[in-house]
Amino acid sequence: MRVDPNTAPWRAVGKLQATTGNLRTACTGTLIGPATVLTAAHCVFNPRTRTFFSAAALHFLIGFERGAFVGHATGLRLVISPGYDPAQPARTRGSDWALLVIDTPLGTADRVLAISERAPETGTAVAIGGYSADHPNWLTADATCRIVGRAADGDGRPLLRHNCTATHGASGAPVLVRDGAAWRIGGIEVAAERGVAGGTAALVDEARKRQ
């Protein structure tokens, strides 16, 4: 479902682009502070050089739709989860998160989402929205899905399983849960199922402690 990137809770969700040489990649990120973006660690890994992108090569666009956007910022500093190993992404999937500090404070009070202090339980209603490869020019979301179970990566780090529709490009997208009248981030999308609606999300409690 296409959603308006300038309405809540999607106002905090933006497009994260990496540009270096003739390589350009795109994922999804979420403002969790005035100048801090939460995304997946694999989104900021350069597959050609086998190293992480420099922060300066990363660009965050908020309110992005069909080439237009409300705000743009460039990365200043990149924090990668210490448990994530890009050489073994499946084994360390539960640590697949990164924080990007940006040069412009795009996170106004109405454009920031907090990370939940509690992991969503199985059966919890959630919503996932991001900039997928199928629809790279606008924000799409599935707001009628649920957490369907738990899993663990090779290091024993917990993962969430969901039945939301999310494809490549939506990596780093927030798994949103209701907390009263507010939305909070219960995890981030790190892997999509093939051929069916569903995917895997990493918990980001460690990222919350590092913001």
N, C-alpha and C. Protein backbone atom coordinates (compact mmCIF):
# COMPACT_ATOMS: atom_id res chain seq x y z
N MET A 1 0.84 -1.19 0.00
CA MET A 1 0.00 0.00 0.00
C MET A 1 0.88 1.24 0.00
N ARG A 2 0.60 2.16 -0.89
CA ARG A 2 1.35 3.41 -0.93
C ARG A 2 0.88 4.32 0.20
N VAL A 3 1.83 4.95 0.89
CA VAL A 3 1.48 5.83 2.00
C VAL A 3 2.14 7.18 1.81
N ASP A 4 1.59 8.19 2.45
CA ASP A 4 2.11 9.55 2.38
C ASP A 4 3.30 9.67 3.33
N PRO A 5 4.49 9.99 2.81
CA PRO A 5 5.67 10.06 3.67
C PRO A 5 5.67 11.27 4.62
N ASN A 6 4.67 12.10 4.52
CA ASN A 6 4.59 13.27 5.39
C ASN A 6 3.47 13.18 6.41
N THR A 7 2.97 11.95 6.63
CA THR A 7 1.98 11.73 7.67
C THR A 7 2.55 10.76 8.70
N ALA A 8 2.03 10.85 9.93
CA ALA A 8 2.49 9.95 10.99
C ALA A 8 1.99 8.53 10.74
N PRO A 9 2.78 7.50 11.07
CA PRO A 9 4.13 7.57 11.64
C PRO A 9 5.25 7.63 10.60
N TRP A 10 4.85 7.71 9.34
CA TRP A 10 5.82 7.58 8.24
C TRP A 10 6.69 8.81 8.07
N ARG A 11 6.35 9.90 8.77
CA ARG A 11 7.15 11.13 8.68
C ARG A 11 8.59 10.93 9.14
N ALA A 12 8.82 9.89 9.95
CA ALA A 12 10.17 9.64 10.45
C ALA A 12 10.97 8.72 9.54
N VAL A 13 10.33 8.14 8.54
CA VAL A 13 10.96 7.13 7.68
C VAL A 13 11.46 7.78 6.39
N GLY A 14 12.71 7.51 6.05
CA GLY A 14 13.28 8.12 4.86
C GLY A 14 14.05 7.13 4.01
N LYS A 15 14.51 7.62 2.89
CA LYS A 15 15.30 6.81 1.96
C LYS A 15 16.78 7.06 2.23
N LEU A 16 17.53 5.97 2.39
CA LEU A 16 18.96 6.05 2.63
C LEU A 16 19.69 5.59 1.38
N GLN A 17 20.50 6.47 0.81
CA GLN A 17 21.24 6.14 -0.41
C GLN A 17 22.74 6.20 -0.16
N ALA A 18 23.44 5.25 -0.75
CA ALA A 18 24.90 5.24 -0.71
C ALA A 18 25.38 5.51 -2.13
N THR A 19 26.27 6.48 -2.26
CA THR A 19 26.79 6.85 -3.57
C THR A 19 28.30 6.96 -3.51
N THR A 20 28.97 6.13 -4.30
CA THR A 20 30.43 6.21 -4.39
C THR A 20 30.85 5.70 -5.76
N GLY A 21 31.61 6.50 -6.49
CA GLY A 21 31.97 6.14 -7.85
C GLY A 21 30.72 5.96 -8.69
N ASN A 22 30.63 4.83 -9.40
CA ASN A 22 29.43 4.55 -10.20
C ASN A 22 28.48 3.60 -9.50
N LEU A 23 28.68 3.40 -8.19
CA LEU A 23 27.81 2.51 -7.43
C LEU A 23 26.80 3.32 -6.63
N ARG A 24 25.54 2.92 -6.74
CA ARG A 24 24.49 3.55 -5.94
C ARG A 24 23.58 2.46 -5.39
N THR A 25 23.39 2.45 -4.10
CA THR A 25 22.49 1.51 -3.46
C THR A 25 21.48 2.28 -2.63
N ALA A 26 20.36 1.64 -2.31
CA ALA A 26 19.32 2.32 -1.53
C ALA A 26 18.68 1.36 -0.54
N CYS A 27 18.36 1.89 0.62
CA CYS A 27 17.66 1.16 1.67
C CYS A 27 16.71 2.13 2.36
N THR A 28 16.28 1.76 3.54
CA THR A 28 15.37 2.58 4.32
C THR A 28 15.99 2.87 5.67
N GLY A 29 15.72 4.05 6.20
CA GLY A 29 16.20 4.41 7.52
C GLY A 29 15.14 5.19 8.27
N THR A 30 15.30 5.30 9.57
CA THR A 30 14.31 5.98 10.42
C THR A 30 15.01 6.94 11.37
N LEU A 31 14.47 8.13 11.49
CA LEU A 31 15.00 9.10 12.44
C LEU A 31 14.62 8.69 13.85
N ILE A 32 15.63 8.49 14.69
CA ILE A 32 15.37 8.16 16.10
C ILE A 32 15.89 9.28 17.02
N GLY A 33 16.35 10.34 16.42
CA GLY A 33 16.82 11.51 17.14
C GLY A 33 16.92 12.66 16.17
N PRO A 34 17.24 13.86 16.63
CA PRO A 34 17.33 15.01 15.73
C PRO A 34 18.27 14.80 14.55
N ALA A 35 19.39 14.09 14.79
CA ALA A 35 20.36 13.87 13.72
C ALA A 35 20.88 12.44 13.72
N THR A 36 20.03 11.49 14.09
CA THR A 36 20.44 10.08 14.13
C THR A 36 19.45 9.22 13.36
N VAL A 37 19.98 8.42 12.44
CA VAL A 37 19.18 7.54 11.60
C VAL A 37 19.51 6.09 11.94
N LEU A 38 18.49 5.29 12.13
CA LEU A 38 18.63 3.85 12.37
C LEU A 38 18.38 3.10 11.07
N THR A 39 19.26 2.17 10.73
CA THR A 39 19.08 1.36 9.53
C THR A 39 19.73 0.00 9.76
N ALA A 40 19.74 -0.83 8.73
CA ALA A 40 20.40 -2.14 8.82
C ALA A 40 21.88 -2.00 8.47
N ALA A 41 22.72 -2.75 9.16
CA ALA A 41 24.16 -2.68 8.90
C ALA A 41 24.50 -3.12 7.48
N HIS A 42 23.77 -4.12 6.96
CA HIS A 42 24.12 -4.58 5.61
C HIS A 42 23.81 -3.53 4.55
N CYS A 43 22.98 -2.55 4.92
CA CYS A 43 22.66 -1.46 3.98
C CYS A 43 23.83 -0.51 3.76
N VAL A 44 24.75 -0.46 4.71
CA VAL A 44 25.86 0.47 4.61
C VAL A 44 27.18 -0.26 4.34
N PHE A 45 27.06 -1.46 3.79
CA PHE A 45 28.23 -2.26 3.44
C PHE A 45 28.40 -2.23 1.92
N ASN A 46 29.60 -1.90 1.48
CA ASN A 46 29.90 -1.82 0.05
C ASN A 46 30.27 -3.21 -0.47
N PRO A 47 29.43 -3.82 -1.32
CA PRO A 47 29.71 -5.18 -1.77
C PRO A 47 30.91 -5.28 -2.71
N ARG A 48 31.33 -4.16 -3.28
CA ARG A 48 32.47 -4.20 -4.21
C ARG A 48 33.80 -4.15 -3.45
N THR A 49 33.89 -3.27 -2.48
CA THR A 49 35.14 -3.12 -1.75
C THR A 49 35.21 -4.03 -0.54
N ARG A 50 34.06 -4.61 -0.16
CA ARG A 50 33.95 -5.47 1.02
C ARG A 50 34.31 -4.71 2.29
N THR A 51 33.99 -3.43 2.30
CA THR A 51 34.16 -2.60 3.49
C THR A 51 32.89 -1.78 3.66
N PHE A 52 32.70 -1.19 4.82
CA PHE A 52 31.55 -0.32 5.01
C PHE A 52 31.78 1.01 4.29
N PHE A 53 30.69 1.58 3.79
CA PHE A 53 30.77 2.90 3.17
C PHE A 53 31.27 3.92 4.19
N SER A 54 31.93 4.94 3.71
CA SER A 54 32.24 6.06 4.59
C SER A 54 30.93 6.79 4.89
N ALA A 55 30.86 7.43 6.04
CA ALA A 55 29.65 8.17 6.39
C ALA A 55 29.32 9.23 5.35
N ALA A 56 30.35 9.86 4.77
CA ALA A 56 30.14 10.92 3.79
C ALA A 56 29.51 10.43 2.49
N ALA A 57 29.58 9.13 2.24
CA ALA A 57 28.98 8.56 1.03
C ALA A 57 27.50 8.27 1.21
N LEU A 58 26.98 8.46 2.42
CA LEU A 58 25.59 8.13 2.73
C LEU A 58 24.73 9.38 2.76
N HIS A 59 23.58 9.29 2.11
CA HIS A 59 22.65 10.42 2.02
C HIS A 59 21.27 9.97 2.50
N PHE A 60 20.67 10.78 3.36
CA PHE A 60 19.36 10.46 3.91
C PHE A 60 18.35 11.50 3.42
N LEU A 61 17.25 11.01 2.84
CA LEU A 61 16.20 11.87 2.29
C LEU A 61 14.90 11.62 3.05
N ILE A 62 14.36 12.66 3.64
CA ILE A 62 13.11 12.52 4.37
C ILE A 62 11.97 13.11 3.54
N GLY A 63 10.79 12.49 3.64
CA GLY A 63 9.66 12.96 2.84
C GLY A 63 9.86 12.72 1.36
N PHE A 64 10.61 11.66 1.02
CA PHE A 64 10.96 11.40 -0.38
C PHE A 64 9.78 10.80 -1.15
N GLU A 65 9.51 11.36 -2.32
CA GLU A 65 8.48 10.82 -3.20
C GLU A 65 8.71 11.32 -4.61
N ARG A 66 8.90 10.39 -5.54
CA ARG A 66 9.09 10.70 -6.96
C ARG A 66 10.19 11.74 -7.20
N GLY A 67 11.30 11.58 -6.50
CA GLY A 67 12.43 12.46 -6.72
C GLY A 67 12.43 13.73 -5.89
N ALA A 68 11.30 14.09 -5.33
CA ALA A 68 11.21 15.26 -4.46
C ALA A 68 11.36 14.83 -3.01
N PHE A 69 11.79 15.74 -2.17
CA PHE A 69 11.95 15.40 -0.76
C PHE A 69 11.85 16.66 0.09
N VAL A 70 11.53 16.45 1.36
CA VAL A 70 11.39 17.57 2.30
C VAL A 70 12.74 18.00 2.84
N GLY A 71 13.63 17.03 3.08
CA GLY A 71 14.94 17.35 3.62
C GLY A 71 15.99 16.35 3.21
N HIS A 72 17.24 16.82 3.14
CA HIS A 72 18.36 15.98 2.75
C HIS A 72 19.51 16.20 3.74
N ALA A 73 20.20 15.13 4.08
CA ALA A 73 21.36 15.24 4.95
C ALA A 73 22.42 14.23 4.51
N THR A 74 23.66 14.54 4.81
CA THR A 74 24.79 13.67 4.52
C THR A 74 25.35 13.12 5.82
N GLY A 75 25.90 11.92 5.76
CA GLY A 75 26.42 11.30 6.96
C GLY A 75 27.67 11.97 7.49
N LEU A 76 27.76 12.01 8.83
CA LEU A 76 28.96 12.52 9.50
C LEU A 76 29.72 11.40 10.20
N ARG A 77 28.97 10.47 10.79
CA ARG A 77 29.60 9.39 11.56
C ARG A 77 28.72 8.15 11.50
N LEU A 78 29.36 7.01 11.36
CA LEU A 78 28.64 5.74 11.23
C LEU A 78 29.03 4.82 12.38
N VAL A 79 28.01 4.28 13.05
CA VAL A 79 28.22 3.34 14.15
C VAL A 79 27.63 2.00 13.74
N ILE A 80 28.47 0.98 13.63
CA ILE A 80 28.03 -0.35 13.24
C ILE A 80 27.91 -1.22 14.49
N SER A 81 26.87 -2.02 14.55
CA SER A 81 26.73 -2.95 15.66
C SER A 81 28.00 -3.77 15.81
N PRO A 82 28.56 -3.85 17.02
CA PRO A 82 29.79 -4.63 17.21
C PRO A 82 29.61 -6.12 16.96
N GLY A 83 28.36 -6.59 16.98
CA GLY A 83 28.13 -8.02 16.77
C GLY A 83 27.92 -8.42 15.33
N TYR A 84 27.86 -7.43 14.42
CA TYR A 84 27.57 -7.75 13.02
C TYR A 84 28.85 -8.04 12.25
N ASP A 85 28.84 -9.13 11.49
CA ASP A 85 29.98 -9.52 10.66
C ASP A 85 29.50 -9.59 9.21
N PRO A 86 29.91 -8.64 8.36
CA PRO A 86 29.45 -8.65 6.97
C PRO A 86 29.92 -9.86 6.18
N ALA A 87 30.94 -10.55 6.67
CA ALA A 87 31.40 -11.77 6.01
C ALA A 87 30.50 -12.95 6.36
N GLN A 88 29.72 -12.82 7.43
CA GLN A 88 28.78 -13.86 7.85
C GLN A 88 27.44 -13.21 8.21
N PRO A 89 26.77 -12.62 7.23
CA PRO A 89 25.55 -11.85 7.52
C PRO A 89 24.41 -12.68 8.10
N ALA A 90 24.25 -13.93 7.65
CA ALA A 90 23.16 -14.74 8.17
C ALA A 90 23.42 -15.14 9.62
N ARG A 91 24.66 -15.48 9.92
CA ARG A 91 24.99 -15.90 11.28
C ARG A 91 24.84 -14.76 12.28
N THR A 92 25.05 -13.51 11.83
CA THR A 92 25.01 -12.36 12.74
C THR A 92 23.81 -11.45 12.45
N ARG A 93 22.77 -12.01 11.87
CA ARG A 93 21.60 -11.22 11.46
C ARG A 93 20.93 -10.49 12.63
N GLY A 94 20.99 -11.06 13.80
CA GLY A 94 20.37 -10.42 14.96
C GLY A 94 21.07 -9.16 15.40
N SER A 95 22.27 -8.92 14.87
CA SER A 95 23.03 -7.71 15.17
C SER A 95 23.11 -6.79 13.95
N ASP A 96 22.23 -6.99 13.01
CA ASP A 96 22.27 -6.25 11.73
C ASP A 96 21.63 -4.87 11.87
N TRP A 97 22.31 -3.97 12.59
CA TRP A 97 21.83 -2.60 12.70
C TRP A 97 23.00 -1.64 12.66
N ALA A 98 22.70 -0.41 12.29
CA ALA A 98 23.70 0.65 12.25
C ALA A 98 23.04 1.98 12.55
N LEU A 99 23.81 2.90 13.08
CA LEU A 99 23.35 4.26 13.35
C LEU A 99 24.17 5.22 12.50
N LEU A 100 23.50 6.13 11.83
CA LEU A 100 24.17 7.16 11.04
C LEU A 100 23.87 8.52 11.64
N VAL A 101 24.92 9.22 12.05
CA VAL A 101 24.77 10.60 12.50
C VAL A 101 24.87 11.49 11.27
N ILE A 102 23.88 12.36 11.06
CA ILE A 102 23.81 13.17 9.84
C ILE A 102 24.14 14.64 10.13
N ASP A 103 24.48 15.36 9.07
CA ASP A 103 24.98 16.74 9.23
C ASP A 103 23.89 17.78 9.37
N THR A 104 22.64 17.39 9.18
CA THR A 104 21.52 18.33 9.30
C THR A 104 20.47 17.71 10.21
N PRO A 105 20.03 18.41 11.25
CA PRO A 105 19.05 17.84 12.18
C PRO A 105 17.64 17.81 11.58
N LEU A 106 17.36 16.76 10.82
CA LEU A 106 16.05 16.61 10.18
C LEU A 106 14.98 16.11 11.15
N GLY A 107 15.41 15.58 12.28
CA GLY A 107 14.48 14.96 13.22
C GLY A 107 13.79 15.96 14.13
N THR A 108 12.85 16.69 13.59
CA THR A 108 12.02 17.55 14.42
C THR A 108 11.14 16.66 15.30
N ALA A 109 10.49 17.26 16.29
CA ALA A 109 9.73 16.47 17.28
C ALA A 109 8.71 15.55 16.63
N ASP A 110 8.12 15.98 15.51
CA ASP A 110 7.10 15.17 14.85
C ASP A 110 7.68 14.20 13.83
N ARG A 111 9.00 14.16 13.70
CA ARG A 111 9.64 13.26 12.73
C ARG A 111 10.59 12.27 13.39
N VAL A 112 10.42 12.02 14.67
CA VAL A 112 11.28 11.09 15.39
C VAL A 112 10.44 9.96 15.98
N LEU A 113 10.93 8.73 15.86
CA LEU A 113 10.28 7.58 16.49
C LEU A 113 11.22 6.98 17.52
N ALA A 114 10.67 6.64 18.67
CA ALA A 114 11.47 6.04 19.73
C ALA A 114 11.55 4.53 19.55
N ILE A 115 12.65 3.96 20.03
CA ILE A 115 12.80 2.51 20.03
C ILE A 115 12.12 1.95 21.28
N SER A 116 11.29 0.95 21.09
CA SER A 116 10.58 0.35 22.21
C SER A 116 11.55 -0.33 23.17
N GLU A 117 11.24 -0.25 24.45
CA GLU A 117 12.07 -0.92 25.45
C GLU A 117 11.70 -2.40 25.59
N ARG A 118 10.59 -2.81 24.97
CA ARG A 118 10.13 -4.20 25.05
C ARG A 118 10.00 -4.78 23.64
N ALA A 119 10.47 -5.98 23.48
CA ALA A 119 10.30 -6.66 22.19
C ALA A 119 8.85 -7.06 22.00
N PRO A 120 8.28 -6.87 20.81
CA PRO A 120 6.89 -7.26 20.58
C PRO A 120 6.71 -8.77 20.69
N GLU A 121 5.63 -9.17 21.33
CA GLU A 121 5.34 -10.59 21.51
C GLU A 121 4.72 -11.18 20.24
N THR A 122 4.77 -12.49 20.12
CA THR A 122 4.10 -13.17 19.01
C THR A 122 2.61 -12.83 19.04
N GLY A 123 2.09 -12.47 17.88
CA GLY A 123 0.70 -12.07 17.77
C GLY A 123 0.48 -10.57 17.76
N THR A 124 1.52 -9.80 18.12
CA THR A 124 1.40 -8.35 18.14
C THR A 124 1.19 -7.80 16.74
N ALA A 125 0.22 -6.89 16.59
CA ALA A 125 -0.01 -6.21 15.32
C ALA A 125 1.13 -5.23 15.08
N VAL A 126 1.67 -5.22 13.86
CA VAL A 126 2.77 -4.34 13.51
C VAL A 126 2.53 -3.74 12.13
N ALA A 127 3.37 -2.78 11.78
CA ALA A 127 3.35 -2.18 10.45
C ALA A 127 4.79 -1.99 9.99
N ILE A 128 5.05 -2.26 8.73
CA ILE A 128 6.38 -2.04 8.15
C ILE A 128 6.22 -1.21 6.88
N GLY A 129 7.02 -0.14 6.80
CA GLY A 129 6.98 0.69 5.60
C GLY A 129 8.37 1.11 5.18
N GLY A 130 8.63 1.08 3.87
CA GLY A 130 9.95 1.46 3.39
C GLY A 130 9.96 1.69 1.89
N TYR A 131 11.16 1.90 1.37
CA TYR A 131 11.34 2.16 -0.05
C TYR A 131 11.87 0.88 -0.71
N SER A 132 10.96 0.06 -1.18
CA SER A 132 11.34 -1.24 -1.73
C SER A 132 11.86 -1.10 -3.15
N ALA A 133 12.54 -2.14 -3.62
CA ALA A 133 13.05 -2.15 -4.99
C ALA A 133 11.91 -2.15 -6.01
N ASP A 134 10.75 -2.70 -5.61
CA ASP A 134 9.60 -2.72 -6.51
C ASP A 134 9.01 -1.33 -6.72
N HIS A 135 9.10 -0.48 -5.68
CA HIS A 135 8.53 0.87 -5.75
C HIS A 135 9.54 1.85 -5.15
N PRO A 136 10.66 2.09 -5.82
CA PRO A 136 11.73 2.89 -5.23
C PRO A 136 11.43 4.38 -5.11
N ASN A 137 10.39 4.85 -5.79
CA ASN A 137 10.12 6.28 -5.80
C ASN A 137 9.04 6.74 -4.84
N TRP A 138 8.46 5.79 -4.11
CA TRP A 138 7.50 6.20 -3.09
C TRP A 138 7.50 5.20 -1.95
N LEU A 139 6.97 5.64 -0.85
CA LEU A 139 6.95 4.82 0.36
C LEU A 139 5.75 3.89 0.34
N THR A 140 5.98 2.60 0.54
CA THR A 140 4.90 1.63 0.62
C THR A 140 4.96 0.94 1.98
N ALA A 141 3.79 0.50 2.45
CA ALA A 141 3.72 -0.09 3.78
C ALA A 141 2.69 -1.20 3.83
N ASP A 142 2.91 -2.11 4.75
CA ASP A 142 1.92 -3.13 5.11
C ASP A 142 1.56 -2.85 6.57
N ALA A 143 0.35 -2.40 6.79
CA ALA A 143 -0.09 -2.03 8.14
C ALA A 143 -1.08 -3.02 8.72
N THR A 144 -1.17 -4.19 8.11
CA THR A 144 -2.16 -5.19 8.57
C THR A 144 -1.49 -6.54 8.81
N CYS A 145 -0.33 -6.52 9.44
CA CYS A 145 0.41 -7.77 9.64
C CYS A 145 0.78 -7.93 11.11
N ARG A 146 1.44 -9.06 11.42
CA ARG A 146 1.71 -9.40 12.82
C ARG A 146 3.06 -10.08 12.99
N ILE A 147 3.54 -10.08 14.22
CA ILE A 147 4.67 -10.92 14.59
C ILE A 147 4.14 -12.35 14.70
N VAL A 148 4.79 -13.28 13.98
CA VAL A 148 4.29 -14.66 13.96
C VAL A 148 5.20 -15.63 14.71
N GLY A 149 6.32 -15.15 15.22
CA GLY A 149 7.18 -16.05 15.96
C GLY A 149 8.53 -15.45 16.23
N ARG A 150 9.38 -16.25 16.87
CA ARG A 150 10.74 -15.85 17.19
C ARG A 150 11.72 -16.80 16.53
N ALA A 151 12.93 -16.35 16.38
CA ALA A 151 14.01 -17.19 15.86
C ALA A 151 15.29 -16.69 16.52
N ALA A 152 16.42 -17.25 16.10
CA ALA A 152 17.72 -16.81 16.61
C ALA A 152 18.74 -16.98 15.49
N ASP A 153 19.72 -16.08 15.47
CA ASP A 153 20.78 -16.23 14.48
C ASP A 153 21.84 -17.21 14.99
N GLY A 154 22.91 -17.39 14.24
CA GLY A 154 23.93 -18.35 14.60
C GLY A 154 24.66 -18.03 15.88
N ASP A 155 24.59 -16.78 16.31
CA ASP A 155 25.22 -16.37 17.56
C ASP A 155 24.23 -16.41 18.73
N GLY A 156 22.99 -16.84 18.44
CA GLY A 156 21.99 -16.91 19.48
C GLY A 156 21.25 -15.61 19.72
N ARG A 157 21.51 -14.61 18.90
CA ARG A 157 20.84 -13.32 19.04
C ARG A 157 19.40 -13.46 18.56
N PRO A 158 18.40 -13.01 19.35
CA PRO A 158 17.00 -13.20 18.97
C PRO A 158 16.59 -12.40 17.74
N LEU A 159 15.67 -12.98 16.99
CA LEU A 159 15.09 -12.37 15.80
C LEU A 159 13.57 -12.46 15.89
N LEU A 160 12.89 -11.56 15.19
CA LEU A 160 11.44 -11.59 15.09
C LEU A 160 11.06 -12.07 13.71
N ARG A 161 10.03 -12.92 13.63
CA ARG A 161 9.48 -13.33 12.35
C ARG A 161 8.11 -12.67 12.20
N HIS A 162 7.85 -12.14 10.99
CA HIS A 162 6.58 -11.44 10.75
C HIS A 162 5.99 -11.89 9.42
N ASN A 163 4.72 -11.54 9.20
CA ASN A 163 4.07 -11.89 7.93
C ASN A 163 3.76 -10.65 7.09
N CYS A 164 4.56 -9.61 7.26
CA CYS A 164 4.38 -8.38 6.49
C CYS A 164 4.97 -8.53 5.09
N THR A 165 4.42 -7.80 4.16
CA THR A 165 4.96 -7.76 2.81
C THR A 165 6.07 -6.72 2.77
N ALA A 166 7.28 -7.15 2.54
CA ALA A 166 8.43 -6.25 2.47
C ALA A 166 9.47 -6.90 1.57
N THR A 167 10.01 -6.13 0.62
CA THR A 167 10.95 -6.68 -0.34
C THR A 167 12.30 -5.97 -0.25
N HIS A 168 13.22 -6.39 -1.12
CA HIS A 168 14.55 -5.80 -1.17
C HIS A 168 14.45 -4.28 -1.32
N GLY A 169 15.22 -3.55 -0.55
CA GLY A 169 15.14 -2.09 -0.54
C GLY A 169 14.45 -1.61 0.71
N ALA A 170 13.54 -2.47 1.23
CA ALA A 170 12.89 -2.15 2.49
C ALA A 170 13.76 -2.55 3.67
N SER A 171 14.94 -3.10 3.41
CA SER A 171 15.87 -3.42 4.49
C SER A 171 16.12 -2.16 5.32
N GLY A 172 16.15 -2.33 6.63
CA GLY A 172 16.34 -1.19 7.51
C GLY A 172 15.04 -0.52 7.90
N ALA A 173 13.94 -0.92 7.27
CA ALA A 173 12.64 -0.30 7.58
C ALA A 173 12.21 -0.66 8.99
N PRO A 174 11.53 0.26 9.68
CA PRO A 174 11.12 -0.02 11.05
C PRO A 174 9.94 -0.97 11.12
N VAL A 175 9.98 -1.86 12.10
CA VAL A 175 8.81 -2.67 12.45
C VAL A 175 8.11 -1.89 13.56
N LEU A 176 6.98 -1.29 13.23
CA LEU A 176 6.31 -0.36 14.14
C LEU A 176 5.24 -1.05 14.96
N VAL A 177 5.22 -0.73 16.25
CA VAL A 177 4.22 -1.28 17.16
C VAL A 177 3.53 -0.13 17.87
N ARG A 178 2.27 -0.34 18.20
CA ARG A 178 1.50 0.67 18.93
C ARG A 178 1.84 0.63 20.42
N ASP A 179 2.00 1.81 20.99
CA ASP A 179 2.18 1.94 22.43
C ASP A 179 1.23 3.04 22.87
N GLY A 180 -0.01 2.64 23.17
CA GLY A 180 -1.05 3.63 23.43
C GLY A 180 -1.37 4.38 22.15
N ALA A 181 -1.26 5.69 22.19
CA ALA A 181 -1.54 6.50 21.00
C ALA A 181 -0.31 6.67 20.12
N ALA A 182 0.85 6.24 20.62
CA ALA A 182 2.10 6.45 19.89
C ALA A 182 2.56 5.19 19.17
N TRP A 183 3.41 5.38 18.18
CA TRP A 183 4.08 4.28 17.50
C TRP A 183 5.52 4.22 17.99
N ARG A 184 6.04 3.01 18.15
CA ARG A 184 7.44 2.82 18.52
C ARG A 184 8.08 1.77 17.61
N ILE A 185 9.40 1.78 17.57
CA ILE A 185 10.15 0.84 16.73
C ILE A 185 10.40 -0.43 17.54
N GLY A 186 9.82 -1.53 17.08
CA GLY A 186 10.01 -2.81 17.75
C GLY A 186 11.16 -3.62 17.19
N GLY A 187 11.68 -3.21 16.04
CA GLY A 187 12.78 -3.89 15.37
C GLY A 187 12.97 -3.28 14.00
N ILE A 188 13.91 -3.80 13.22
CA ILE A 188 14.08 -3.34 11.85
C ILE A 188 14.16 -4.54 10.91
N GLU A 189 13.62 -4.34 9.73
CA GLU A 189 13.60 -5.38 8.70
C GLU A 189 15.02 -5.69 8.23
N VAL A 190 15.41 -6.98 8.25
CA VAL A 190 16.75 -7.36 7.79
C VAL A 190 16.73 -8.43 6.70
N ALA A 191 15.61 -9.13 6.53
CA ALA A 191 15.54 -10.15 5.48
C ALA A 191 14.09 -10.42 5.13
N ALA A 192 13.82 -10.56 3.84
CA ALA A 192 12.47 -10.86 3.36
C ALA A 192 12.38 -12.32 2.94
N GLU A 193 11.21 -12.90 3.10
CA GLU A 193 10.98 -14.26 2.62
C GLU A 193 10.85 -14.24 1.10
N ARG A 194 11.18 -15.33 0.46
CA ARG A 194 11.06 -15.42 -0.99
C ARG A 194 9.72 -16.05 -1.37
N GLY A 195 8.96 -15.34 -2.19
CA GLY A 195 7.72 -15.90 -2.74
C GLY A 195 6.50 -15.79 -1.86
N VAL A 196 6.67 -15.38 -0.60
CA VAL A 196 5.52 -15.24 0.30
C VAL A 196 5.69 -13.96 1.12
N ALA A 197 4.57 -13.49 1.67
CA ALA A 197 4.64 -12.33 2.56
C ALA A 197 5.27 -12.75 3.87
N GLY A 198 6.30 -12.06 4.27
CA GLY A 198 6.95 -12.39 5.53
C GLY A 198 8.41 -12.01 5.51
N GLY A 199 9.00 -12.00 6.69
CA GLY A 199 10.41 -11.65 6.77
C GLY A 199 10.92 -11.76 8.19
N THR A 200 12.13 -11.28 8.36
CA THR A 200 12.82 -11.36 9.64
C THR A 200 13.27 -9.97 10.05
N ALA A 201 13.10 -9.68 11.33
CA ALA A 201 13.50 -8.39 11.87
C ALA A 201 14.48 -8.58 13.01
N ALA A 202 15.44 -7.66 13.09
CA ALA A 202 16.40 -7.66 14.19
C ALA A 202 15.89 -6.75 15.30
N LEU A 203 16.09 -7.17 16.54
CA LEU A 203 15.79 -6.30 17.67
C LEU A 203 16.91 -5.26 17.78
N VAL A 204 16.57 -4.08 18.24
CA VAL A 204 17.56 -3.00 18.23
C VAL A 204 17.71 -2.36 19.61
N ASP A 205 17.61 -3.18 20.66
CA ASP A 205 17.78 -2.67 22.01
C ASP A 205 19.19 -2.12 22.24
N GLU A 206 20.19 -2.76 21.61
CA GLU A 206 21.57 -2.26 21.75
C GLU A 206 21.72 -0.90 21.08
N ALA A 207 21.04 -0.70 19.94
CA ALA A 207 21.09 0.60 19.25
C ALA A 207 20.45 1.68 20.13
N ARG A 208 19.38 1.34 20.83
CA ARG A 208 18.72 2.31 21.71
C ARG A 208 19.68 2.80 22.78
N LYS A 209 20.50 1.91 23.30
CA LYS A 209 21.44 2.27 24.36
C LYS A 209 22.61 3.12 23.83
N ARG A 210 22.85 3.08 22.52
CA ARG A 210 23.99 3.77 21.95
C ARG A 210 23.64 5.11 21.32
N GLN A 211 22.36 5.47 21.28
CA GLN A 211 22.02 6.73 20.62
C GLN A 211 22.49 7.95 21.41
